[in-house]
Amino acid sequence: MAQAQLTIDLDAIRANWRALAARGTAEAGAVVKANCYGLGADRVAPMLAREGVRRFFVATTEEGASLRHILGAGPEINVFSGHMTGDAALLRDAHLTPMINSIDQMLRHVEALPGHPFGIQLDSGMNRLGMEPAEWSALRDIALAQNPRLVMSHLACADEPDHGMNAFQLRTFREMTDGIEAPRSLAATGGILLGEAYHFDVTRPGIGLYGGLPFAAAQRVVALDIPIIQVRDVTAGESVGYGNAFVARMPMKVATIAAGYADGLIRALAPKTHLWAGDTRCKLLGRISMDLITVDVSAVREMPATLELLGPHQGVDQLADHINSIGYEILTSLGSRYARRYLGG
C-alpha cells in the first residue's frame, strides 16, 4: 500500500488543552480554524467539546457553518473575519457569532441581523484586524449597549516573551476596555504563556493544542510515516531524481518513498531534511517531486516498510526550521492523500 500514514493523537491534544487551560483561571476556548490546523475538525472539535470547550474560534463564516454541522447546537462559534457582505444567512442559520472589525461591519450586522449575537475585535497595535482606538471610541457606547458576547484583540509578538510590543498591547487593550462588562480576550497560545495579566476572561489556545511552539511543553500530536516503494543500489557518479540534483560520490542505497509536494511536503525542504528508519537518520536526496522522495538508506541494516518524517525524532517545528518557517505552515500544508489514523479521543 503506497499511502503515507498521518497519525493524530487526540489524547495529546486533550492533554495540551488541559495544560493550557490550567495556566490560569480564565475560561479556555479553542481555535479550530483551517480544519483544526489541518488535523481534522470532524474528529478534533467534538473531542474538545466533550472535554468542556464552550467557545470555538474559526477564521471565516463558511468554516463556522461547517463546524456547527459537526458540533450541533450548544457551543459558541466565533468568526474572526466578522460580518462580511453576504454572510447574514449563514451567520443566522448556523448561530455564529461574528467578531465585528469595523464600523461598517457593525452597521451591516445590526441592519441585517438585529438582535443576533456578536463580538468585537479591537486593534491594539498589530494593524491587521479590528477597530483602532479612535474608531472604537466613536462606537463603544453603542456597541456595548447591545451586549457583545466578547471583546478581543490579538498579540503580534507573544512568541517573543521579552518583546516590548507585548506590554504595549496589554496597556493599549486595557485603556480601550477597562470598565466594560463584556468578557475580554487577548491571549492565544503565546499570550497564555506570558502570564495571567494577559488572560482576562477568555483565552484562545490554538497552535499549542496541536503540539507546536511556543508551547514547548506540549505533547507531540502528529506522526507521519511514509512507505518505501523501492530500494536500489546507486554507484558513484550516478544521479538521483529530477535535474540530476544529487550525484552520488560513492556507492549507496537509495529508497524511493511515497509522498511529495502534492502531500504538502514542499520542495524547499529538500536540502536540509532527514527521515528516520528506527533510530537511523537518513538524508533526503535530490529534489522532492510531486509524489516521490528519494532518501539515502545506506546505513540502514534492516529495511523497514516505512520511514518516519514526523514523530519522536522530529516534530513540526524542527521540520519547519529547515525552511526558516514555522510549525503552523507544516501542519496546515499536510495534504488530503494521507491515510489518517486517530489515537484516543
C-alpha atoms as a PDB file:
ATOM      1  CA  MET A   1       0.000   0.000   0.000  1.00  0.00           C
ATOM      2  CA  ALA A   2       1.726   3.172  -1.235  1.00  0.00           C
ATOM      3  CA  GLN A   3      -0.095   5.600   1.021  1.00  0.00           C
ATOM      4  CA  ALA A   4       1.643   7.519   3.786  1.00  0.00           C
ATOM      5  CA  GLN A   5       0.040   7.417   7.223  1.00  0.00           C
ATOM      6  CA  LEU A   6      -0.584  10.516   9.294  1.00  0.00           C
ATOM      7  CA  THR A   7      -1.234   9.631  12.933  1.00  0.00           C
ATOM      8  CA  ILE A   8      -3.040  12.213  15.075  1.00  0.00           C
ATOM      9  CA  ASP A   9      -3.080  11.737  18.844  1.00  0.00           C
ATOM     10  CA  LEU A  10      -6.369  13.106  20.172  1.00  0.00           C
ATOM     11  CA  ASP A  11      -5.354  12.300  23.734  1.00  0.00           C
ATOM     12  CA  ALA A  12      -2.292  14.529  23.293  1.00  0.00           C
ATOM     13  CA  ILE A  13      -4.491  17.388  22.037  1.00  0.00           C
ATOM     14  CA  ARG A  14      -6.722  16.886  25.060  1.00  0.00           C
ATOM     15  CA  ALA A  15      -3.728  16.951  27.397  1.00  0.00           C
ATOM     16  CA  ASN A  16      -2.376  20.107  25.742  1.00  0.00           C
ATOM     17  CA  TRP A  17      -5.734  21.862  26.123  1.00  0.00           C
ATOM     18  CA  ARG A  18      -5.912  20.885  29.784  1.00  0.00           C
ATOM     19  CA  ALA A  19      -2.382  22.121  30.394  1.00  0.00           C
ATOM     20  CA  LEU A  20      -3.037  25.493  28.767  1.00  0.00           C
ATOM     21  CA  ALA A  21      -6.414  25.852  30.493  1.00  0.00           C
ATOM     22  CA  ALA A  22      -4.744  25.201  33.838  1.00  0.00           C
ATOM     23  CA  ARG A  23      -2.331  28.115  33.359  1.00  0.00           C
ATOM     24  CA  GLY A  24      -4.882  30.485  34.844  1.00  0.00           C
ATOM     25  CA  THR A  25      -8.477  30.965  35.914  1.00  0.00           C
ATOM     26  CA  ALA A  26      -9.842  32.311  32.629  1.00  0.00           C
ATOM     27  CA  GLU A  27     -12.231  30.261  30.509  1.00  0.00           C
ATOM     28  CA  ALA A  28     -10.228  28.426  27.827  1.00  0.00           C
ATOM     29  CA  GLY A  29     -11.754  28.238  24.366  1.00  0.00           C
ATOM     30  CA  ALA A  30     -10.164  26.573  21.346  1.00  0.00           C
ATOM     31  CA  VAL A  31      -9.029  27.881  17.970  1.00  0.00           C
ATOM     32  CA  VAL A  32     -10.029  25.317  15.334  1.00  0.00           C
ATOM     33  CA  LYS A  33      -9.655  27.323  12.121  1.00  0.00           C
ATOM     34  CA  ALA A  34      -8.165  25.782   8.975  1.00  0.00           C
ATOM     35  CA  ASN A  35      -9.727  22.393   9.739  1.00  0.00           C
ATOM     36  CA  CYS A  36      -8.102  22.319  13.198  1.00  0.00           C
ATOM     37  CA  TYR A  37      -4.763  23.384  11.716  1.00  0.00           C
ATOM     38  CA  GLY A  38      -5.075  20.638   9.126  1.00  0.00           C
ATOM     39  CA  LEU A  39      -5.717  17.786  11.575  1.00  0.00           C
ATOM     40  CA  GLY A  40      -9.458  17.278  11.033  1.00  0.00           C
ATOM     41  CA  ALA A  41     -12.216  19.324  12.645  1.00  0.00           C
ATOM     42  CA  ASP A  42     -14.633  16.397  12.404  1.00  0.00           C
ATOM     43  CA  ARG A  43     -12.527  14.444  14.910  1.00  0.00           C
ATOM     44  CA  VAL A  44     -10.738  17.107  16.927  1.00  0.00           C
ATOM     45  CA  ALA A  45     -13.547  19.576  17.637  1.00  0.00           C
ATOM     46  CA  PRO A  46     -16.070  17.051  19.070  1.00  0.00           C
ATOM     47  CA  MET A  47     -13.358  15.728  21.387  1.00  0.00           C
ATOM     48  CA  LEU A  48     -12.668  19.260  22.626  1.00  0.00           C
ATOM     49  CA  ALA A  49     -16.391  19.852  23.122  1.00  0.00           C
ATOM     50  CA  ARG A  50     -16.620  16.668  25.195  1.00  0.00           C
ATOM     51  CA  GLU A  51     -13.663  17.933  27.193  1.00  0.00           C
ATOM     52  CA  GLY A  52     -15.623  21.063  28.076  1.00  0.00           C
ATOM     53  CA  VAL A  53     -14.743  23.694  25.473  1.00  0.00           C
ATOM     54  CA  ARG A  54     -17.718  26.021  25.066  1.00  0.00           C
ATOM     55  CA  ARG A  55     -16.184  28.702  22.807  1.00  0.00           C
ATOM     56  CA  PHE A  56     -14.647  27.823  19.458  1.00  0.00           C
ATOM     57  CA  PHE A  57     -12.898  30.232  17.099  1.00  0.00           C
ATOM     58  CA  VAL A  58     -12.709  29.992  13.288  1.00  0.00           C
ATOM     59  CA  ALA A  59     -11.442  32.290  10.549  1.00  0.00           C
ATOM     60  CA  THR A  60     -14.461  32.548   8.228  1.00  0.00           C
ATOM     61  CA  THR A  61     -18.214  32.198   8.288  1.00  0.00           C
ATOM     62  CA  GLU A  62     -18.032  29.193   5.975  1.00  0.00           C
ATOM     63  CA  GLU A  63     -15.705  27.444   8.431  1.00  0.00           C
ATOM     64  CA  GLY A  64     -18.125  28.282  11.211  1.00  0.00           C
ATOM     65  CA  ALA A  65     -21.095  26.806   9.374  1.00  0.00           C
ATOM     66  CA  SER A  66     -19.167  23.590   8.742  1.00  0.00           C
ATOM     67  CA  LEU A  67     -18.168  23.425  12.408  1.00  0.00           C
ATOM     68  CA  ARG A  68     -21.778  23.947  13.509  1.00  0.00           C
ATOM     69  CA  HIS A  69     -22.785  20.954  11.420  1.00  0.00           C
ATOM     70  CA  ILE A  70     -20.111  18.931  13.217  1.00  0.00           C
ATOM     71  CA  LEU A  71     -20.820  20.129  16.758  1.00  0.00           C
ATOM     72  CA  GLY A  72     -24.553  20.675  16.681  1.00  0.00           C
ATOM     73  CA  ALA A  73     -26.289  23.156  18.956  1.00  0.00           C
ATOM     74  CA  GLY A  74     -24.649  24.411  22.104  1.00  0.00           C
ATOM     75  CA  PRO A  75     -21.062  25.646  21.778  1.00  0.00           C
ATOM     76  CA  GLU A  76     -20.487  29.229  20.757  1.00  0.00           C
ATOM     77  CA  ILE A  77     -18.640  29.583  17.444  1.00  0.00           C
ATOM     78  CA  ASN A  78     -16.849  32.892  16.956  1.00  0.00           C
ATOM     79  CA  VAL A  79     -15.802  34.109  13.495  1.00  0.00           C
ATOM     80  CA  PHE A  80     -12.623  36.230  13.386  1.00  0.00           C
ATOM     81  CA  SER A  81     -13.387  37.773   9.971  1.00  0.00           C
ATOM     82  CA  GLY A  82     -16.581  39.293  11.359  1.00  0.00           C
ATOM     83  CA  HIS A  83     -19.699  40.005   9.336  1.00  0.00           C
ATOM     84  CA  MET A  84     -18.723  40.180   5.666  1.00  0.00           C
ATOM     85  CA  THR A  85     -21.059  41.067   2.814  1.00  0.00           C
ATOM     86  CA  GLY A  86     -23.234  38.047   2.051  1.00  0.00           C
ATOM     87  CA  ASP A  87     -22.674  36.375   5.437  1.00  0.00           C
ATOM     88  CA  ALA A  88     -26.010  37.152   7.078  1.00  0.00           C
ATOM     89  CA  ALA A  89     -27.890  33.976   6.178  1.00  0.00           C
ATOM     90  CA  LEU A  90     -25.064  31.649   7.244  1.00  0.00           C
ATOM     91  CA  LEU A  91     -24.472  33.587  10.460  1.00  0.00           C
ATOM     92  CA  ARG A  92     -28.166  33.343  11.290  1.00  0.00           C
ATOM     93  CA  ASP A  93     -28.793  29.746  10.258  1.00  0.00           C
ATOM     94  CA  ALA A  94     -25.633  28.356  11.870  1.00  0.00           C
ATOM     95  CA  HIS A  95     -25.961  30.504  15.007  1.00  0.00           C
ATOM     96  CA  LEU A  96     -22.486  32.002  14.603  1.00  0.00           C
ATOM     97  CA  THR A  97     -21.010  34.936  16.485  1.00  0.00           C
ATOM     98  CA  PRO A  98     -19.055  37.313  14.232  1.00  0.00           C
ATOM     99  CA  MET A  99     -16.209  39.345  15.730  1.00  0.00           C
ATOM    100  CA  ILE A 100     -17.056  42.781  14.368  1.00  0.00           C
ATOM    101  CA  ASN A 101     -13.937  44.505  12.997  1.00  0.00           C
ATOM    102  CA  SER A 102     -15.153  47.921  11.858  1.00  0.00           C
ATOM    103  CA  ILE A 103     -17.973  50.438  11.970  1.00  0.00           C
ATOM    104  CA  ASP A 104     -19.052  49.243   8.518  1.00  0.00           C
ATOM    105  CA  GLN A 105     -19.351  45.672   9.804  1.00  0.00           C
ATOM    106  CA  MET A 106     -21.278  46.892  12.834  1.00  0.00           C
ATOM    107  CA  LEU A 107     -23.790  48.713  10.638  1.00  0.00           C
ATOM    108  CA  ARG A 108     -24.095  45.705   8.342  1.00  0.00           C
ATOM    109  CA  HIS A 109     -24.718  43.412  11.293  1.00  0.00           C
ATOM    110  CA  VAL A 110     -27.374  45.428  13.084  1.00  0.00           C
ATOM    111  CA  GLU A 111     -29.228  46.133   9.835  1.00  0.00           C
ATOM    112  CA  ALA A 112     -29.169  42.551   8.538  1.00  0.00           C
ATOM    113  CA  LEU A 113     -29.453  40.638  11.834  1.00  0.00           C
ATOM    114  CA  PRO A 114     -30.902  42.854  14.565  1.00  0.00           C
ATOM    115  CA  GLY A 115     -30.560  41.168  17.936  1.00  0.00           C
ATOM    116  CA  HIS A 116     -28.173  38.486  16.649  1.00  0.00           C
ATOM    117  CA  PRO A 117     -25.138  37.844  18.917  1.00  0.00           C
ATOM    118  CA  PHE A 118     -21.826  39.429  18.006  1.00  0.00           C
ATOM    119  CA  GLY A 119     -18.418  40.163  19.465  1.00  0.00           C
ATOM    120  CA  ILE A 120     -15.944  42.973  18.927  1.00  0.00           C
ATOM    121  CA  GLN A 121     -12.356  42.746  17.736  1.00  0.00           C
ATOM    122  CA  LEU A 122     -10.067  45.652  18.601  1.00  0.00           C
ATOM    123  CA  ASP A 123      -6.730  46.610  17.090  1.00  0.00           C
ATOM    124  CA  SER A 124      -4.320  47.109  19.991  1.00  0.00           C
ATOM    125  CA  GLY A 125      -1.344  47.709  17.723  1.00  0.00           C
ATOM    126  CA  MET A 126      -0.998  44.823  15.276  1.00  0.00           C
ATOM    127  CA  ASN A 127      -2.654  46.704  12.376  1.00  0.00           C
ATOM    128  CA  ARG A 128      -4.284  43.613  10.943  1.00  0.00           C
ATOM    129  CA  LEU A 129      -7.925  43.208  12.057  1.00  0.00           C
ATOM    130  CA  GLY A 130     -10.081  45.139  14.470  1.00  0.00           C
ATOM    131  CA  MET A 131     -11.183  48.650  15.343  1.00  0.00           C
ATOM    132  CA  GLU A 132      -8.481  51.183  16.057  1.00  0.00           C
ATOM    133  CA  PRO A 133      -8.785  53.285  19.237  1.00  0.00           C
ATOM    134  CA  ALA A 134     -10.458  56.263  17.540  1.00  0.00           C
ATOM    135  CA  GLU A 135     -12.978  54.045  15.726  1.00  0.00           C
ATOM    136  CA  TRP A 136     -13.720  52.148  18.923  1.00  0.00           C
ATOM    137  CA  SER A 137     -14.171  55.382  20.868  1.00  0.00           C
ATOM    138  CA  ALA A 138     -16.824  56.509  18.377  1.00  0.00           C
ATOM    139  CA  LEU A 139     -18.705  53.201  18.513  1.00  0.00           C
ATOM    140  CA  ARG A 140     -18.003  51.978  22.042  1.00  0.00           C
ATOM    141  CA  ASP A 141     -21.161  53.105  23.846  1.00  0.00           C
ATOM    142  CA  ILE A 142     -23.452  51.976  21.026  1.00  0.00           C
ATOM    143  CA  ALA A 143     -21.771  48.579  20.730  1.00  0.00           C
ATOM    144  CA  LEU A 144     -21.636  47.901  24.462  1.00  0.00           C
ATOM    145  CA  ALA A 145     -25.331  48.765  24.821  1.00  0.00           C
ATOM    146  CA  GLN A 146     -26.077  45.740  22.645  1.00  0.00           C
ATOM    147  CA  ASN A 147     -24.188  43.353  24.965  1.00  0.00           C
ATOM    148  CA  PRO A 148     -21.393  41.903  22.839  1.00  0.00           C
ATOM    149  CA  ARG A 149     -20.529  38.311  23.669  1.00  0.00           C
ATOM    150  CA  LEU A 150     -16.800  39.053  23.724  1.00  0.00           C
ATOM    151  CA  VAL A 151     -14.362  41.921  23.222  1.00  0.00           C
ATOM    152  CA  MET A 152     -10.995  40.710  21.976  1.00  0.00           C
ATOM    153  CA  SER A 153      -7.662  41.691  20.486  1.00  0.00           C
ATOM    154  CA  HIS A 154      -4.617  39.775  19.237  1.00  0.00           C
ATOM    155  CA  LEU A 155      -0.947  39.965  20.230  1.00  0.00           C
ATOM    156  CA  ALA A 156       1.636  40.433  17.490  1.00  0.00           C
ATOM    157  CA  CYS A 157       4.757  39.199  19.328  1.00  0.00           C
ATOM    158  CA  ALA A 158       3.534  36.811  22.019  1.00  0.00           C
ATOM    159  CA  ASP A 159       6.000  34.129  20.903  1.00  0.00           C
ATOM    160  CA  GLU A 160       8.797  36.515  21.978  1.00  0.00           C
ATOM    161  CA  PRO A 161       8.183  36.946  25.731  1.00  0.00           C
ATOM    162  CA  ASP A 162      10.644  39.839  26.149  1.00  0.00           C
ATOM    163  CA  HIS A 163       9.402  41.841  23.168  1.00  0.00           C
ATOM    164  CA  GLY A 164       8.236  45.310  24.179  1.00  0.00           C
ATOM    165  CA  MET A 165       5.188  45.032  21.915  1.00  0.00           C
ATOM    166  CA  ASN A 166       3.544  42.674  24.400  1.00  0.00           C
ATOM    167  CA  ALA A 167       3.464  45.201  27.235  1.00  0.00           C
ATOM    168  CA  PHE A 168       2.438  47.950  24.798  1.00  0.00           C
ATOM    169  CA  GLN A 169      -0.537  45.957  23.511  1.00  0.00           C
ATOM    170  CA  LEU A 170      -1.571  44.908  27.001  1.00  0.00           C
ATOM    171  CA  ARG A 171      -1.595  48.540  28.096  1.00  0.00           C
ATOM    172  CA  THR A 172      -3.485  49.625  24.970  1.00  0.00           C
ATOM    173  CA  PHE A 173      -6.080  46.870  25.351  1.00  0.00           C
ATOM    174  CA  ARG A 174      -6.652  47.857  28.962  1.00  0.00           C
ATOM    175  CA  GLU A 175      -7.039  51.509  28.002  1.00  0.00           C
ATOM    176  CA  MET A 176      -9.621  50.507  25.379  1.00  0.00           C
ATOM    177  CA  THR A 177     -11.607  48.093  27.553  1.00  0.00           C
ATOM    178  CA  ASP A 178     -11.173  48.699  31.283  1.00  0.00           C
ATOM    179  CA  GLY A 179     -14.553  49.193  32.923  1.00  0.00           C
ATOM    180  CA  ILE A 180     -16.645  47.288  30.378  1.00  0.00           C
ATOM    181  CA  GLU A 181     -18.876  44.427  31.486  1.00  0.00           C
ATOM    182  CA  ALA A 182     -18.414  42.227  28.429  1.00  0.00           C
ATOM    183  CA  PRO A 183     -15.924  39.343  28.693  1.00  0.00           C
ATOM    184  CA  ARG A 184     -12.473  40.204  27.349  1.00  0.00           C
ATOM    185  CA  SER A 185      -9.874  38.112  25.485  1.00  0.00           C
ATOM    186  CA  LEU A 186      -6.312  38.956  24.473  1.00  0.00           C
ATOM    187  CA  ALA A 187      -4.281  35.755  24.726  1.00  0.00           C
ATOM    188  CA  ALA A 188      -3.863  32.928  22.230  1.00  0.00           C
ATOM    189  CA  THR A 189      -1.239  30.255  22.993  1.00  0.00           C
ATOM    190  CA  GLY A 190       1.701  32.644  23.278  1.00  0.00           C
ATOM    191  CA  GLY A 191      -0.292  35.106  25.358  1.00  0.00           C
ATOM    192  CA  ILE A 192      -1.341  32.359  27.767  1.00  0.00           C
ATOM    193  CA  LEU A 193       2.337  31.613  28.379  1.00  0.00           C
ATOM    194  CA  LEU A 194       3.058  35.308  29.121  1.00  0.00           C
ATOM    195  CA  GLY A 195       1.095  35.026  32.371  1.00  0.00           C
ATOM    196  CA  GLU A 196      -2.271  35.793  33.888  1.00  0.00           C
ATOM    197  CA  ALA A 197      -2.021  39.527  33.283  1.00  0.00           C
ATOM    198  CA  TYR A 198      -2.720  38.700  29.637  1.00  0.00           C
ATOM    199  CA  HIS A 199      -5.541  36.199  30.218  1.00  0.00           C
ATOM    200  CA  PHE A 200      -8.530  38.386  31.098  1.00  0.00           C
ATOM    201  CA  ASP A 201     -11.806  36.384  30.935  1.00  0.00           C
ATOM    202  CA  VAL A 202     -11.294  34.076  27.932  1.00  0.00           C
ATOM    203  CA  THR A 203      -8.148  32.593  26.384  1.00  0.00           C
ATOM    204  CA  ARG A 204      -7.869  31.218  22.856  1.00  0.00           C
ATOM    205  CA  PRO A 205      -5.344  28.354  22.699  1.00  0.00           C
ATOM    206  CA  GLY A 206      -4.534  27.355  19.129  1.00  0.00           C
ATOM    207  CA  ILE A 207      -1.161  26.060  17.924  1.00  0.00           C
ATOM    208  CA  GLY A 208      -0.286  24.807  21.406  1.00  0.00           C
ATOM    209  CA  LEU A 209      -3.184  22.354  21.247  1.00  0.00           C
ATOM    210  CA  TYR A 210      -1.624  20.744  18.190  1.00  0.00           C
ATOM    211  CA  GLY A 211       1.860  20.360  19.636  1.00  0.00           C
ATOM    212  CA  GLY A 212       3.531  23.475  18.219  1.00  0.00           C
ATOM    213  CA  LEU A 213       5.706  26.251  19.581  1.00  0.00           C
ATOM    214  CA  PRO A 214       5.708  28.475  21.541  1.00  0.00           C
ATOM    215  CA  PHE A 215       4.224  25.830  23.875  1.00  0.00           C
ATOM    216  CA  ALA A 216       7.476  23.927  24.332  1.00  0.00           C
ATOM    217  CA  ALA A 217       5.916  21.635  26.957  1.00  0.00           C
ATOM    218  CA  ALA A 218       3.204  20.421  24.559  1.00  0.00           C
ATOM    219  CA  GLN A 219       2.772  16.729  23.992  1.00  0.00           C
ATOM    220  CA  ARG A 220       3.562  15.601  20.457  1.00  0.00           C
ATOM    221  CA  VAL A 221       0.386  15.288  18.390  1.00  0.00           C
ATOM    222  CA  VAL A 222       1.342  14.142  14.884  1.00  0.00           C
ATOM    223  CA  ALA A 223       3.443  11.412  13.312  1.00  0.00           C
ATOM    224  CA  LEU A 224       3.993  10.865   9.606  1.00  0.00           C
ATOM    225  CA  ASP A 225       5.264   7.548   8.250  1.00  0.00           C
ATOM    226  CA  ILE A 226       5.912   7.205   4.524  1.00  0.00           C
ATOM    227  CA  PRO A 227       6.047   3.817   2.724  1.00  0.00           C
ATOM    228  CA  ILE A 228       9.156   2.710   0.881  1.00  0.00           C
ATOM    229  CA  ILE A 229       8.204   1.759  -2.671  1.00  0.00           C
ATOM    230  CA  GLN A 230      11.598   0.656  -3.927  1.00  0.00           C
ATOM    231  CA  VAL A 231      15.247   0.406  -2.821  1.00  0.00           C
ATOM    232  CA  ARG A 232      18.058   0.470  -5.387  1.00  0.00           C
ATOM    233  CA  ASP A 233      21.842   0.467  -5.469  1.00  0.00           C
ATOM    234  CA  VAL A 234      23.370   3.622  -6.903  1.00  0.00           C
ATOM    235  CA  THR A 235      27.012   3.667  -7.977  1.00  0.00           C
ATOM    236  CA  ALA A 236      29.464   6.545  -7.701  1.00  0.00           C
ATOM    237  CA  GLY A 237      28.804   9.155 -10.382  1.00  0.00           C
ATOM    238  CA  GLU A 238      25.129   8.265 -10.893  1.00  0.00           C
ATOM    239  CA  SER A 239      22.476  10.925 -10.332  1.00  0.00           C
ATOM    240  CA  VAL A 240      19.206  10.684  -8.450  1.00  0.00           C
ATOM    241  CA  GLY A 241      15.926  12.383  -9.331  1.00  0.00           C
ATOM    242  CA  TYR A 242      14.956  15.379 -11.447  1.00  0.00           C
ATOM    243  CA  GLY A 243      17.603  17.681 -12.808  1.00  0.00           C
ATOM    244  CA  ASN A 244      20.493  15.471 -11.644  1.00  0.00           C
ATOM    245  CA  ALA A 245      20.199  17.480  -8.440  1.00  0.00           C
ATOM    246  CA  PHE A 246      22.109  14.825  -6.480  1.00  0.00           C
ATOM    247  CA  VAL A 247      25.118  12.883  -7.765  1.00  0.00           C
ATOM    248  CA  ALA A 248      26.481  10.021  -5.668  1.00  0.00           C
ATOM    249  CA  ARG A 249      30.138  10.308  -4.671  1.00  0.00           C
ATOM    250  CA  MET A 250      30.285   6.674  -3.556  1.00  0.00           C
ATOM    251  CA  PRO A 251      28.127   3.554  -3.852  1.00  0.00           C
ATOM    252  CA  MET A 252      24.931   3.872  -1.813  1.00  0.00           C
ATOM    253  CA  LYS A 253      21.449   2.524  -1.278  1.00  0.00           C
ATOM    254  CA  VAL A 254      18.569   4.819  -2.192  1.00  0.00           C
ATOM    255  CA  ALA A 255      14.943   4.359  -1.153  1.00  0.00           C
ATOM    256  CA  THR A 256      12.080   5.941  -3.077  1.00  0.00           C
ATOM    257  CA  ILE A 257       9.174   6.763  -0.785  1.00  0.00           C
ATOM    258  CA  ALA A 258       5.522   7.566  -1.479  1.00  0.00           C
ATOM    259  CA  ALA A 259       4.998  11.266  -0.727  1.00  0.00           C
ATOM    260  CA  GLY A 260       5.860  14.611  -2.280  1.00  0.00           C
ATOM    261  CA  TYR A 261       4.788  18.187  -2.680  1.00  0.00           C
ATOM    262  CA  ALA A 262       1.242  17.086  -3.559  1.00  0.00           C
ATOM    263  CA  ASP A 263       1.130  15.896   0.050  1.00  0.00           C
ATOM    264  CA  GLY A 264       2.261  19.243   1.457  1.00  0.00           C
ATOM    265  CA  LEU A 265       5.969  18.393   1.633  1.00  0.00           C
ATOM    266  CA  ILE A 266       7.200  21.451  -0.199  1.00  0.00           C
ATOM    267  CA  ARG A 267      10.315  21.299  -2.388  1.00  0.00           C
ATOM    268  CA  ALA A 268      12.244  23.754  -0.204  1.00  0.00           C
ATOM    269  CA  LEU A 269      12.536  21.058   2.471  1.00  0.00           C
ATOM    270  CA  ALA A 270      14.950  19.012   0.350  1.00  0.00           C
ATOM    271  CA  PRO A 271      18.416  20.415   1.200  1.00  0.00           C
ATOM    272  CA  LYS A 272      18.326  20.028   4.998  1.00  0.00           C
ATOM    273  CA  THR A 273      15.751  17.347   5.721  1.00  0.00           C
ATOM    274  CA  HIS A 274      16.293  13.854   7.121  1.00  0.00           C
ATOM    275  CA  LEU A 275      13.929  10.961   7.721  1.00  0.00           C
ATOM    276  CA  TRP A 276      14.330   8.117  10.202  1.00  0.00           C
ATOM    277  CA  ALA A 277      14.473   4.332   9.941  1.00  0.00           C
ATOM    278  CA  GLY A 278      14.119   3.425  13.594  1.00  0.00           C
ATOM    279  CA  ASP A 279      16.956   5.386  15.211  1.00  0.00           C
ATOM    280  CA  THR A 280      18.958   5.704  11.989  1.00  0.00           C
ATOM    281  CA  ARG A 281      18.936   9.137  10.366  1.00  0.00           C
ATOM    282  CA  CYS A 282      18.561   9.075   6.566  1.00  0.00           C
ATOM    283  CA  LYS A 283      19.224  12.130   4.397  1.00  0.00           C
ATOM    284  CA  LEU A 284      16.739  13.241   1.776  1.00  0.00           C
ATOM    285  CA  LEU A 285      18.429  13.253  -1.650  1.00  0.00           C
ATOM    286  CA  GLY A 286      17.852  15.473  -4.664  1.00  0.00           C
ATOM    287  CA  ARG A 287      14.532  17.160  -5.288  1.00  0.00           C
ATOM    288  CA  ILE A 288      11.145  16.476  -3.778  1.00  0.00           C
ATOM    289  CA  SER A 289       8.793  15.658  -6.652  1.00  0.00           C
ATOM    290  CA  MET A 290       5.010  15.593  -6.752  1.00  0.00           C
ATOM    291  CA  ASP A 291       4.529  12.075  -5.389  1.00  0.00           C
ATOM    292  CA  LEU A 292       8.012  10.762  -4.559  1.00  0.00           C
ATOM    293  CA  ILE A 293      11.056  11.447  -2.410  1.00  0.00           C
ATOM    294  CA  THR A 294      14.431   9.724  -2.595  1.00  0.00           C
ATOM    295  CA  VAL A 295      16.343   9.002   0.598  1.00  0.00           C
ATOM    296  CA  ASP A 296      19.816   7.677   1.459  1.00  0.00           C
ATOM    297  CA  VAL A 297      19.288   4.416   3.373  1.00  0.00           C
ATOM    298  CA  SER A 298      22.872   3.149   3.098  1.00  0.00           C
ATOM    299  CA  ALA A 299      23.243   2.983   6.890  1.00  0.00           C
ATOM    300  CA  VAL A 300      20.032   1.019   7.455  1.00  0.00           C
ATOM    301  CA  ARG A 301      20.682  -2.608   8.371  1.00  0.00           C
ATOM    302  CA  GLU A 302      17.130  -3.957   8.317  1.00  0.00           C
ATOM    303  CA  MET A 303      14.958  -2.082   5.853  1.00  0.00           C
ATOM    304  CA  PRO A 304      11.601  -1.062   7.366  1.00  0.00           C
ATOM    305  CA  ALA A 305       8.357  -0.760   5.440  1.00  0.00           C
ATOM    306  CA  THR A 306       8.164   2.978   6.146  1.00  0.00           C
ATOM    307  CA  LEU A 307      10.389   5.936   7.006  1.00  0.00           C
ATOM    308  CA  GLU A 308       9.439   8.487   9.677  1.00  0.00           C
ATOM    309  CA  LEU A 309       9.280  12.145   8.707  1.00  0.00           C
ATOM    310  CA  LEU A 310       7.367  13.407  11.756  1.00  0.00           C
ATOM    311  CA  GLY A 311       7.455  11.623  15.066  1.00  0.00           C
ATOM    312  CA  PRO A 312       9.648  11.105  18.122  1.00  0.00           C
ATOM    313  CA  HIS A 313      12.818  12.180  16.308  1.00  0.00           C
ATOM    314  CA  GLN A 314      11.481  15.282  14.579  1.00  0.00           C
ATOM    315  CA  GLY A 315       8.461  17.481  15.207  1.00  0.00           C
ATOM    316  CA  VAL A 316       6.699  20.053  13.058  1.00  0.00           C
ATOM    317  CA  ASP A 317       8.800  22.942  14.344  1.00  0.00           C
ATOM    318  CA  GLN A 318      12.088  21.125  13.743  1.00  0.00           C
ATOM    319  CA  LEU A 319      10.963  20.363  10.188  1.00  0.00           C
ATOM    320  CA  ALA A 320       9.901  23.989   9.728  1.00  0.00           C
ATOM    321  CA  ASP A 321      13.339  25.179  10.818  1.00  0.00           C
ATOM    322  CA  HIS A 322      14.784  23.581   7.677  1.00  0.00           C
ATOM    323  CA  ILE A 323      12.994  26.167   5.552  1.00  0.00           C
ATOM    324  CA  ASN A 324      13.031  29.099   8.011  1.00  0.00           C
ATOM    325  CA  SER A 325       9.318  28.643   8.565  1.00  0.00           C
ATOM    326  CA  ILE A 326       7.042  27.765  11.500  1.00  0.00           C
ATOM    327  CA  GLY A 327       5.167  24.674  12.614  1.00  0.00           C
ATOM    328  CA  TYR A 328       1.858  26.254  11.603  1.00  0.00           C
ATOM    329  CA  GLU A 329       2.871  26.073   7.936  1.00  0.00           C
ATOM    330  CA  ILE A 330       3.932  22.429   8.154  1.00  0.00           C
ATOM    331  CA  LEU A 331       0.689  21.379   9.874  1.00  0.00           C
ATOM    332  CA  THR A 332      -1.673  23.287   7.621  1.00  0.00           C
ATOM    333  CA  SER A 333       0.136  22.076   4.467  1.00  0.00           C
ATOM    334  CA  LEU A 334      -0.327  18.375   5.188  1.00  0.00           C
ATOM    335  CA  GLY A 335      -2.351  17.073   2.265  1.00  0.00           C
ATOM    336  CA  SER A 336      -5.515  15.061   1.858  1.00  0.00           C
ATOM    337  CA  ARG A 337      -3.885  11.911   0.464  1.00  0.00           C
ATOM    338  CA  TYR A 338      -2.645  10.578   3.778  1.00  0.00           C
ATOM    339  CA  ALA A 339      -4.350   7.664   5.481  1.00  0.00           C
ATOM    340  CA  ARG A 340      -5.325   9.308   8.743  1.00  0.00           C
ATOM    341  CA  ARG A 341      -5.248   7.338  11.971  1.00  0.00           C
ATOM    342  CA  TYR A 342      -6.597   8.845  15.172  1.00  0.00           C
ATOM    343  CA  LEU A 343      -5.457   7.705  18.597  1.00  0.00           C
ATOM    344  CA  GLY A 344      -7.665   8.096  21.664  1.00  0.00           C
ATOM    345  CA  GLY A 345     -10.417  10.646  21.769  1.00  0.00           C
END
